Amino acid sequence: MPILLVTGDRDRDLVPGLVTDWHDHLLPVQSAPAGDKYGVVYVGADHEFIGRPGNASFAGAATISTDFPRATSLSDAKARARLKTASDTAGTTWMRR
């Protein structure tokens, strides 16, 4: 099953006994079988950054969140290429599996 996980390095939405550190949010991507697994970490972003259109990361996260279903459900080759070739930046780190 494809996975897109978007989080931030200030995501403090923790679940006692399950998620004790923001890095733990990436576990589904890290532990799932390879193929169509993506994790994106935004520097300085907290749990609710994607719900704030004024946030500088919002546009990038919105694009990724749109490209993912297009690539994995609609077989959109351009969206898949964007997911596969997006590079780390000063504000984002990608994980692919």
PDB file of N, CA and C in Angstrom:
ATOM      1  N   MET A   1       0.851  -1.165   0.000  1.00  0.00           N
ATOM      2  CA  MET A   1       0.000   0.000   0.000  1.00  0.00           C
ATOM      3  C   MET A   1       0.902   1.236   0.000  1.00  0.00           C
ATOM      4  N   PRO A   2       0.635   2.208  -0.823  1.00  0.00           N
ATOM      5  CA  PRO A   2       1.419   3.443  -0.849  1.00  0.00           C
ATOM      6  C   PRO A   2       1.251   4.230   0.459  1.00  0.00           C
ATOM      7  N   ILE A   3       2.310   4.943   0.821  1.00  0.00           N
ATOM      8  CA  ILE A   3       2.282   5.772   2.032  1.00  0.00           C
ATOM      9  C   ILE A   3       2.915   7.116   1.722  1.00  0.00           C
ATOM     10  N   LEU A   4       2.258   8.185   2.153  1.00  0.00           N
ATOM     11  CA  LEU A   4       2.855   9.517   2.187  1.00  0.00           C
ATOM     12  C   LEU A   4       2.716  10.013   3.609  1.00  0.00           C
ATOM     13  N   LEU A   5       3.826  10.295   4.236  1.00  0.00           N
ATOM     14  CA  LEU A   5       3.817  10.796   5.592  1.00  0.00           C
ATOM     15  C   LEU A   5       4.513  12.154   5.590  1.00  0.00           C
ATOM     16  N   VAL A   6       3.796  13.185   5.996  1.00  0.00           N
ATOM     17  CA  VAL A   6       4.339  14.538   6.057  1.00  0.00           C
ATOM     18  C   VAL A   6       4.366  14.945   7.524  1.00  0.00           C
ATOM     19  N   THR A   7       5.526  15.373   7.977  1.00  0.00           N
ATOM     20  CA  THR A   7       5.671  15.773   9.374  1.00  0.00           C
ATOM     21  C   THR A   7       6.659  16.928   9.471  1.00  0.00           C
ATOM     22  N   GLY A   8       6.839  17.419  10.663  1.00  0.00           N
ATOM     23  CA  GLY A   8       7.796  18.493  10.900  1.00  0.00           C
ATOM     24  C   GLY A   8       8.693  18.151  12.066  1.00  0.00           C
ATOM     25  N   ASP A   9       9.851  18.772  12.102  1.00  0.00           N
ATOM     26  CA  ASP A   9      10.789  18.482  13.188  1.00  0.00           C
ATOM     27  C   ASP A   9      10.392  19.136  14.509  1.00  0.00           C
ATOM     28  N   ARG A  10       9.263  19.825  14.501  1.00  0.00           N
ATOM     29  CA  ARG A  10       8.701  20.366  15.744  1.00  0.00           C
ATOM     30  C   ARG A  10       7.321  19.780  16.021  1.00  0.00           C
ATOM     31  N   ASP A  11       7.047  18.654  15.393  1.00  0.00           N
ATOM     32  CA  ASP A  11       5.757  17.985  15.598  1.00  0.00           C
ATOM     33  C   ASP A  11       5.770  17.324  16.964  1.00  0.00           C
ATOM     34  N   ARG A  12       5.094  17.934  17.877  1.00  0.00           N
ATOM     35  CA  ARG A  12       5.068  17.443  19.257  1.00  0.00           C
ATOM     36  C   ARG A  12       3.793  16.674  19.564  1.00  0.00           C
ATOM     37  N   ASP A  13       3.060  16.276  18.507  1.00  0.00           N
ATOM     38  CA  ASP A  13       1.853  15.486  18.706  1.00  0.00           C
ATOM     39  C   ASP A  13       2.292  14.058  19.016  1.00  0.00           C
ATOM     40  N   LEU A  14       2.508  13.806  20.269  1.00  0.00           N
ATOM     41  CA  LEU A  14       3.060  12.531  20.701  1.00  0.00           C
ATOM     42  C   LEU A  14       1.971  11.628  21.276  1.00  0.00           C
ATOM     43  N   VAL A  15       2.194  10.335  21.158  1.00  0.00           N
ATOM     44  CA  VAL A  15       1.267   9.344  21.689  1.00  0.00           C
ATOM     45  C   VAL A  15       2.055   8.514  22.694  1.00  0.00           C
ATOM     46  N   PRO A  16       1.788   8.695  23.994  1.00  0.00           N
ATOM     47  CA  PRO A  16       2.548   7.961  25.001  1.00  0.00           C
ATOM     48  C   PRO A  16       2.583   6.460  24.718  1.00  0.00           C
ATOM     49  N   GLY A  17       3.773   5.890  24.788  1.00  0.00           N
ATOM     50  CA  GLY A  17       3.945   4.471  24.556  1.00  0.00           C
ATOM     51  C   GLY A  17       4.039   4.088  23.093  1.00  0.00           C
ATOM     52  N   LEU A  18       3.777   5.014  22.186  1.00  0.00           N
ATOM     53  CA  LEU A  18       3.825   4.715  20.760  1.00  0.00           C
ATOM     54  C   LEU A  18       4.714   5.721  20.022  1.00  0.00           C
ATOM     55  N   VAL A  19       4.393   6.990  20.131  1.00  0.00           N
ATOM     56  CA  VAL A  19       5.166   8.056  19.490  1.00  0.00           C
ATOM     57  C   VAL A  19       5.721   8.948  20.597  1.00  0.00           C
ATOM     58  N   THR A  20       7.015   8.788  20.878  1.00  0.00           N
ATOM     59  CA  THR A  20       7.627   9.546  21.969  1.00  0.00           C
ATOM     60  C   THR A  20       8.596  10.610  21.467  1.00  0.00           C
ATOM     61  N   ASP A  21       8.797  10.656  20.148  1.00  0.00           N
ATOM     62  CA  ASP A  21       9.719  11.587  19.524  1.00  0.00           C
ATOM     63  C   ASP A  21       9.209  11.822  18.108  1.00  0.00           C
ATOM     64  N   TRP A  22       9.377  13.017  17.561  1.00  0.00           N
ATOM     65  CA  TRP A  22       8.830  13.280  16.230  1.00  0.00           C
ATOM     66  C   TRP A  22       9.392  12.324  15.180  1.00  0.00           C
ATOM     67  N   HIS A  23      10.594  11.834  15.361  1.00  0.00           N
ATOM     68  CA  HIS A  23      11.177  10.875  14.413  1.00  0.00           C
ATOM     69  C   HIS A  23      10.325   9.609  14.294  1.00  0.00           C
ATOM     70  N   ASP A  24       9.616   9.281  15.374  1.00  0.00           N
ATOM     71  CA  ASP A  24       8.773   8.085  15.377  1.00  0.00           C
ATOM     72  C   ASP A  24       7.645   8.161  14.350  1.00  0.00           C
ATOM     73  N   HIS A  25       7.266   9.375  13.954  1.00  0.00           N
ATOM     74  CA  HIS A  25       6.213   9.515  12.948  1.00  0.00           C
ATOM     75  C   HIS A  25       6.623   8.863  11.625  1.00  0.00           C
ATOM     76  N   LEU A  26       7.920   8.732  11.393  1.00  0.00           N
ATOM     77  CA  LEU A  26       8.425   8.173  10.141  1.00  0.00           C
ATOM     78  C   LEU A  26       8.451   6.647  10.120  1.00  0.00           C
ATOM     79  N   LEU A  27       8.161   6.014  11.236  1.00  0.00           N
ATOM     80  CA  LEU A  27       8.210   4.553  11.330  1.00  0.00           C
ATOM     81  C   LEU A  27       7.411   3.833  10.239  1.00  0.00           C
ATOM     82  N   PRO A  28       6.199   4.273   9.889  1.00  0.00           N
ATOM     83  CA  PRO A  28       5.475   3.553   8.831  1.00  0.00           C
ATOM     84  C   PRO A  28       6.232   3.520   7.497  1.00  0.00           C
ATOM     85  N   VAL A  29       6.920   4.588   7.165  1.00  0.00           N
ATOM     86  CA  VAL A  29       7.690   4.616   5.922  1.00  0.00           C
ATOM     87  C   VAL A  29       8.937   3.745   6.052  1.00  0.00           C
ATOM     88  N   GLN A  30       9.590   3.829   7.199  1.00  0.00           N
ATOM     89  CA  GLN A  30      10.836   3.087   7.417  1.00  0.00           C
ATOM     90  C   GLN A  30      10.624   1.586   7.496  1.00  0.00           C
ATOM     91  N   SER A  31       9.480   1.155   7.975  1.00  0.00           N
ATOM     92  CA  SER A  31       9.285  -0.269   8.235  1.00  0.00           C
ATOM     93  C   SER A  31       8.410  -0.989   7.211  1.00  0.00           C
ATOM     94  N   ALA A  32       7.787  -0.256   6.325  1.00  0.00           N
ATOM     95  CA  ALA A  32       6.913  -0.878   5.333  1.00  0.00           C
ATOM     96  C   ALA A  32       7.733  -1.477   4.186  1.00  0.00           C
ATOM     97  N   PRO A  33       7.179  -2.450   3.498  1.00  0.00           N
ATOM     98  CA  PRO A  33       7.867  -2.975   2.312  1.00  0.00           C
ATOM     99  C   PRO A  33       8.117  -1.846   1.307  1.00  0.00           C
ATOM    100  N   ALA A  34       9.219  -1.946   0.605  1.00  0.00           N
ATOM    101  CA  ALA A  34       9.606  -0.905  -0.347  1.00  0.00           C
ATOM    102  C   ALA A  34       8.582  -0.762  -1.474  1.00  0.00           C
ATOM    103  N   GLY A  35       8.492   0.448  -1.993  1.00  0.00           N
ATOM    104  CA  GLY A  35       7.615   0.750  -3.121  1.00  0.00           C
ATOM    105  C   GLY A  35       6.558   1.768  -2.773  1.00  0.00           C
ATOM    106  N   ASP A  36       6.647   2.930  -3.370  1.00  0.00           N
ATOM    107  CA  ASP A  36       5.670   4.012  -3.168  1.00  0.00           C
ATOM    108  C   ASP A  36       5.518   4.427  -1.704  1.00  0.00           C
ATOM    109  N   LYS A  37       6.635   4.513  -0.993  1.00  0.00           N
ATOM    110  CA  LYS A  37       6.629   4.983   0.395  1.00  0.00           C
ATOM    111  C   LYS A  37       7.428   6.289   0.434  1.00  0.00           C
ATOM    112  N   TYR A  38       6.799   7.352   0.928  1.00  0.00           N
ATOM    113  CA  TYR A  38       7.429   8.664   0.966  1.00  0.00           C
ATOM    114  C   TYR A  38       7.241   9.294   2.335  1.00  0.00           C
ATOM    115  N   GLY A  39       8.304   9.859   2.857  1.00  0.00           N
ATOM    116  CA  GLY A  39       8.246  10.642   4.080  1.00  0.00           C
ATOM    117  C   GLY A  39       8.893  11.984   3.799  1.00  0.00           C
ATOM    118  N   VAL A  40       8.247  13.045   4.225  1.00  0.00           N
ATOM    119  CA  VAL A  40       8.788  14.384   4.035  1.00  0.00           C
ATOM    120  C   VAL A  40       8.756  15.097   5.380  1.00  0.00           C
ATOM    121  N   VAL A  41       9.911  15.609   5.788  1.00  0.00           N
ATOM    122  CA  VAL A  41      10.024  16.336   7.050  1.00  0.00           C
ATOM    123  C   VAL A  41      10.289  17.806   6.735  1.00  0.00           C
ATOM    124  N   TYR A  42       9.471  18.674   7.290  1.00  0.00           N
ATOM    125  CA  TYR A  42       9.638  20.116   7.125  1.00  0.00           C
ATOM    126  C   TYR A  42      10.331  20.690   8.357  1.00  0.00           C
ATOM    127  N   VAL A  43      11.394  21.421   8.128  1.00  0.00           N
ATOM    128  CA  VAL A  43      12.147  22.058   9.211  1.00  0.00           C
ATOM    129  C   VAL A  43      11.284  23.157   9.831  1.00  0.00           C
ATOM    130  N   GLY A  44      11.180  23.129  11.151  1.00  0.00           N
ATOM    131  CA  GLY A  44      10.439  24.148  11.880  1.00  0.00           C
ATOM    132  C   GLY A  44       8.936  23.976  11.875  1.00  0.00           C
ATOM    133  N   ALA A  45       8.440  22.911  11.268  1.00  0.00           N
ATOM    134  CA  ALA A  45       6.996  22.705  11.175  1.00  0.00           C
ATOM    135  C   ALA A  45       6.495  21.870  12.347  1.00  0.00           C
ATOM    136  N   ASP A  46       5.311  22.238  12.820  1.00  0.00           N
ATOM    137  CA  ASP A  46       4.695  21.471  13.899  1.00  0.00           C
ATOM    138  C   ASP A  46       3.566  20.621  13.322  1.00  0.00           C
ATOM    139  N   HIS A  47       2.761  20.041  14.173  1.00  0.00           N
ATOM    140  CA  HIS A  47       1.733  19.098  13.745  1.00  0.00           C
ATOM    141  C   HIS A  47       0.675  19.723  12.835  1.00  0.00           C
ATOM    142  N   GLU A  48       0.385  20.988  13.010  1.00  0.00           N
ATOM    143  CA  GLU A  48      -0.717  21.598  12.278  1.00  0.00           C
ATOM    144  C   GLU A  48      -0.279  22.584  11.206  1.00  0.00           C
ATOM    145  N   PHE A  49       0.987  22.549  10.780  1.00  0.00           N
ATOM    146  CA  PHE A  49       1.462  23.540   9.821  1.00  0.00           C
ATOM    147  C   PHE A  49       0.723  23.491   8.491  1.00  0.00           C
ATOM    148  N   ILE A  50       0.299  22.310   8.057  1.00  0.00           N
ATOM    149  CA  ILE A  50      -0.356  22.207   6.752  1.00  0.00           C
ATOM    150  C   ILE A  50      -1.723  22.881   6.762  1.00  0.00           C
ATOM    151  N   GLY A  51      -2.293  23.094   7.916  1.00  0.00           N
ATOM    152  CA  GLY A  51      -3.578  23.769   8.015  1.00  0.00           C
ATOM    153  C   GLY A  51      -3.461  25.274   8.076  1.00  0.00           C
ATOM    154  N   ARG A  52      -2.259  25.778   7.896  1.00  0.00           N
ATOM    155  CA  ARG A  52      -2.025  27.223   7.955  1.00  0.00           C
ATOM    156  C   ARG A  52      -1.506  27.717   6.608  1.00  0.00           C
ATOM    157  N   PRO A  53      -2.391  28.142   5.709  1.00  0.00           N
ATOM    158  CA  PRO A  53      -1.962  28.565   4.378  1.00  0.00           C
ATOM    159  C   PRO A  53      -0.915  29.672   4.376  1.00  0.00           C
ATOM    160  N   GLY A  54      -0.820  30.471   5.423  1.00  0.00           N
ATOM    161  CA  GLY A  54       0.178  31.528   5.481  1.00  0.00           C
ATOM    162  C   GLY A  54       1.577  31.004   5.762  1.00  0.00           C
ATOM    163  N   ASN A  55       1.682  29.755   6.198  1.00  0.00           N
ATOM    164  CA  ASN A  55       2.963  29.143   6.504  1.00  0.00           C
ATOM    165  C   ASN A  55       3.744  28.937   5.211  1.00  0.00           C
ATOM    166  N   ALA A  56       5.040  29.228   5.248  1.00  0.00           N
ATOM    167  CA  ALA A  56       5.885  29.114   4.054  1.00  0.00           C
ATOM    168  C   ALA A  56       5.925  27.693   3.497  1.00  0.00           C
ATOM    169  N   SER A  57       5.721  26.690   4.326  1.00  0.00           N
ATOM    170  CA  SER A  57       5.768  25.293   3.878  1.00  0.00           C
ATOM    171  C   SER A  57       4.456  24.812   3.283  1.00  0.00           C
ATOM    172  N   PHE A  58       3.394  25.589   3.452  1.00  0.00           N
ATOM    173  CA  PHE A  58       2.068  25.133   3.048  1.00  0.00           C
ATOM    174  C   PHE A  58       1.987  24.773   1.569  1.00  0.00           C
ATOM    175  N   ALA A  59       2.489  25.631   0.691  1.00  0.00           N
ATOM    176  CA  ALA A  59       2.371  25.383  -0.752  1.00  0.00           C
ATOM    177  C   ALA A  59       3.074  24.094  -1.152  1.00  0.00           C
ATOM    178  N   GLY A  60       4.274  23.872  -0.635  1.00  0.00           N
ATOM    179  CA  GLY A  60       5.003  22.650  -0.959  1.00  0.00           C
ATOM    180  C   GLY A  60       4.290  21.416  -0.454  1.00  0.00           C
ATOM    181  N   ALA A  61       3.801  21.471   0.761  1.00  0.00           N
ATOM    182  CA  ALA A  61       3.088  20.330   1.334  1.00  0.00           C
ATOM    183  C   ALA A  61       1.782  20.075   0.588  1.00  0.00           C
ATOM    184  N   ALA A  62       1.112  21.127   0.172  1.00  0.00           N
ATOM    185  CA  ALA A  62      -0.132  20.960  -0.588  1.00  0.00           C
ATOM    186  C   ALA A  62       0.150  20.303  -1.939  1.00  0.00           C
ATOM    187  N   THR A  63       1.234  20.693  -2.581  1.00  0.00           N
ATOM    188  CA  THR A  63       1.597  20.097  -3.874  1.00  0.00           C
ATOM    189  C   THR A  63       1.924  18.620  -3.716  1.00  0.00           C
ATOM    190  N   ILE A  64       2.726  18.293  -2.709  1.00  0.00           N
ATOM    191  CA  ILE A  64       3.080  16.897  -2.456  1.00  0.00           C
ATOM    192  C   ILE A  64       1.824  16.081  -2.165  1.00  0.00           C
ATOM    193  N   SER A  65       0.938  16.638  -1.364  1.00  0.00           N
ATOM    194  CA  SER A  65      -0.285  15.935  -0.977  1.00  0.00           C
ATOM    195  C   SER A  65      -1.227  15.727  -2.154  1.00  0.00           C
ATOM    196  N   THR A  66      -1.107  16.548  -3.171  1.00  0.00           N
ATOM    197  CA  THR A  66      -1.899  16.378  -4.385  1.00  0.00           C
ATOM    198  C   THR A  66      -1.212  15.415  -5.349  1.00  0.00           C
ATOM    199  N   ASP A  67       0.108  15.535  -5.454  1.00  0.00           N
ATOM    200  CA  ASP A  67       0.852  14.640  -6.347  1.00  0.00           C
ATOM    201  C   ASP A  67       0.754  13.179  -5.925  1.00  0.00           C
ATOM    202  N   PHE A  68       0.733  12.922  -4.626  1.00  0.00           N
ATOM    203  CA  PHE A  68       0.733  11.541  -4.142  1.00  0.00           C
ATOM    204  C   PHE A  68      -0.453  10.728  -4.663  1.00  0.00           C
ATOM    205  N   PRO A  69      -1.697  11.164  -4.473  1.00  0.00           N
ATOM    206  CA  PRO A  69      -2.808  10.347  -4.995  1.00  0.00           C
ATOM    207  C   PRO A  69      -2.840  10.320  -6.524  1.00  0.00           C
ATOM    208  N   ARG A  70      -2.402  11.396  -7.138  1.00  0.00           N
ATOM    209  CA  ARG A  70      -2.359  11.391  -8.607  1.00  0.00           C
ATOM    210  C   ARG A  70      -1.383  10.320  -9.100  1.00  0.00           C
ATOM    211  N   ALA A  71      -0.233  10.230  -8.434  1.00  0.00           N
ATOM    212  CA  ALA A  71       0.790   9.261  -8.848  1.00  0.00           C
ATOM    213  C   ALA A  71       0.391   7.832  -8.523  1.00  0.00           C
ATOM    214  N   THR A  72      -0.151   7.607  -7.343  1.00  0.00           N
ATOM    215  CA  THR A  72      -0.392   6.239  -6.882  1.00  0.00           C
ATOM    216  C   THR A  72      -1.772   5.691  -7.227  1.00  0.00           C
ATOM    217  N   SER A  73      -2.745   6.556  -7.446  1.00  0.00           N
ATOM    218  CA  SER A  73      -4.096   6.082  -7.752  1.00  0.00           C
ATOM    219  C   SER A  73      -4.517   6.351  -9.190  1.00  0.00           C
ATOM    220  N   LEU A  74      -3.982   7.423  -9.767  1.00  0.00           N
ATOM    221  CA  LEU A  74      -4.402   7.809 -11.113  1.00  0.00           C
ATOM    222  C   LEU A  74      -3.318   7.554 -12.161  1.00  0.00           C
ATOM    223  N   SER A  75      -2.206   6.960 -11.735  1.00  0.00           N
ATOM    224  CA  SER A  75      -1.089   6.644 -12.642  1.00  0.00           C
ATOM    225  C   SER A  75      -0.594   7.860 -13.417  1.00  0.00           C
ATOM    226  N   ASP A  76      -0.566   9.015 -12.750  1.00  0.00           N
ATOM    227  CA  ASP A  76      -0.079  10.251 -13.358  1.00  0.00           C
ATOM    228  C   ASP A  76       1.449  10.221 -13.367  1.00  0.00           C
ATOM    229  N   ALA A  77       2.036  10.050 -14.535  1.00  0.00           N
ATOM    230  CA  ALA A  77       3.492   9.906 -14.663  1.00  0.00           C
ATOM    231  C   ALA A  77       4.233  11.174 -14.233  1.00  0.00           C
ATOM    232  N   LYS A  78       3.681  12.341 -14.503  1.00  0.00           N
ATOM    233  CA  LYS A  78       4.350  13.592 -14.118  1.00  0.00           C
ATOM    234  C   LYS A  78       4.356  13.755 -12.599  1.00  0.00           C
ATOM    235  N   ALA A  79       3.254  13.427 -11.963  1.00  0.00           N
ATOM    236  CA  ALA A  79       3.189  13.507 -10.497  1.00  0.00           C
ATOM    237  C   ALA A  79       4.162  12.503  -9.876  1.00  0.00           C
ATOM    238  N   ARG A  80       4.224  11.303 -10.421  1.00  0.00           N
ATOM    239  CA  ARG A  80       5.156  10.285  -9.913  1.00  0.00           C
ATOM    240  C   ARG A  80       6.601  10.767 -10.067  1.00  0.00           C
ATOM    241  N   ALA A  81       6.911  11.365 -11.185  1.00  0.00           N
ATOM    242  CA  ALA A  81       8.270  11.867 -11.413  1.00  0.00           C
ATOM    243  C   ALA A  81       8.622  12.956 -10.409  1.00  0.00           C
ATOM    244  N   ARG A  82       7.675  13.830 -10.105  1.00  0.00           N
ATOM    245  CA  ARG A  82       7.945  14.891  -9.117  1.00  0.00           C
ATOM    246  C   ARG A  82       8.225  14.287  -7.741  1.00  0.00           C
ATOM    247  N   LEU A  83       7.461  13.262  -7.352  1.00  0.00           N
ATOM    248  CA  LEU A  83       7.700  12.609  -6.061  1.00  0.00           C
ATOM    249  C   LEU A  83       9.057  11.911  -6.029  1.00  0.00           C
ATOM    250  N   LYS A  84       9.410  11.273  -7.116  1.00  0.00           N
ATOM    251  CA  LYS A  84      10.655  10.508  -7.159  1.00  0.00           C
ATOM    252  C   LYS A  84      11.903  11.378  -7.287  1.00  0.00           C
ATOM    253  N   THR A  85      11.754  12.595  -7.808  1.00  0.00           N
ATOM    254  CA  THR A  85      12.933  13.428  -8.056  1.00  0.00           C
ATOM    255  C   THR A  85      13.046  14.646  -7.156  1.00  0.00           C
ATOM    256  N   ALA A  86      12.062  14.891  -6.321  1.00  0.00           N
ATOM    257  CA  ALA A  86      12.146  16.048  -5.422  1.00  0.00           C
ATOM    258  C   ALA A  86      13.394  15.912  -4.550  1.00  0.00           C
ATOM    259  N   SER A  87      14.113  17.000  -4.413  1.00  0.00           N
ATOM    260  CA  SER A  87      15.368  16.987  -3.661  1.00  0.00           C
ATOM    261  C   SER A  87      15.183  17.577  -2.269  1.00  0.00           C
ATOM    262  N   ASP A  88      16.060  17.150  -1.377  1.00  0.00           N
ATOM    263  CA  ASP A  88      16.108  17.799  -0.068  1.00  0.00           C
ATOM    264  C   ASP A  88      16.462  19.268  -0.278  1.00  0.00           C
ATOM    265  N   THR A  89      15.934  20.112   0.585  1.00  0.00           N
ATOM    266  CA  THR A  89      16.254  21.535   0.549  1.00  0.00           C
ATOM    267  C   THR A  89      16.627  21.952   1.960  1.00  0.00           C
ATOM    268  N   ALA A  90      16.884  23.230   2.143  1.00  0.00           N
ATOM    269  CA  ALA A  90      17.158  23.739   3.488  1.00  0.00           C
ATOM    270  C   ALA A  90      15.943  23.554   4.393  1.00  0.00           C
ATOM    271  N   GLY A  91      14.753  23.466   3.794  1.00  0.00           N
ATOM    272  CA  GLY A  91      13.530  23.351   4.584  1.00  0.00           C
ATOM    273  C   GLY A  91      12.857  21.999   4.583  1.00  0.00           C
ATOM    274  N   THR A  92      13.338  21.063   3.749  1.00  0.00           N
ATOM    275  CA  THR A  92      12.698  19.744   3.694  1.00  0.00           C
ATOM    276  C   THR A  92      13.737  18.625   3.580  1.00  0.00           C
ATOM    277  N   THR A  93      13.364  17.484   4.118  1.00  0.00           N
ATOM    278  CA  THR A  93      14.158  16.270   3.969  1.00  0.00           C
ATOM    279  C   THR A  93      13.211  15.179   3.493  1.00  0.00           C
ATOM    280  N   TRP A  94      13.622  14.481   2.431  1.00  0.00           N
ATOM    281  CA  TRP A  94      12.807  13.411   1.855  1.00  0.00           C
ATOM    282  C   TRP A  94      13.330  12.038   2.265  1.00  0.00           C
ATOM    283  N   MET A  95      12.402  11.127   2.432  1.00  0.00           N
ATOM    284  CA  MET A  95      12.723   9.724   2.647  1.00  0.00           C
ATOM    285  C   MET A  95      11.875   8.947   1.643  1.00  0.00           C
ATOM    286  N   ARG A  96      12.522   8.061   0.928  1.00  0.00           N
ATOM    287  CA  ARG A  96      11.800   7.237  -0.039  1.00  0.00           C
ATOM    288  C   ARG A  96      12.145   5.765   0.209  1.00  0.00           C
ATOM    289  N   ARG A  97      11.157   4.954  -0.018  1.00  0.00           N
ATOM    290  CA  ARG A  97      11.375   3.510   0.150  1.00  0.00           C
ATOM    291  C   ARG A  97      10.525   2.776  -0.865  1.00  0.00           C
TER     292      ARG A  97
END
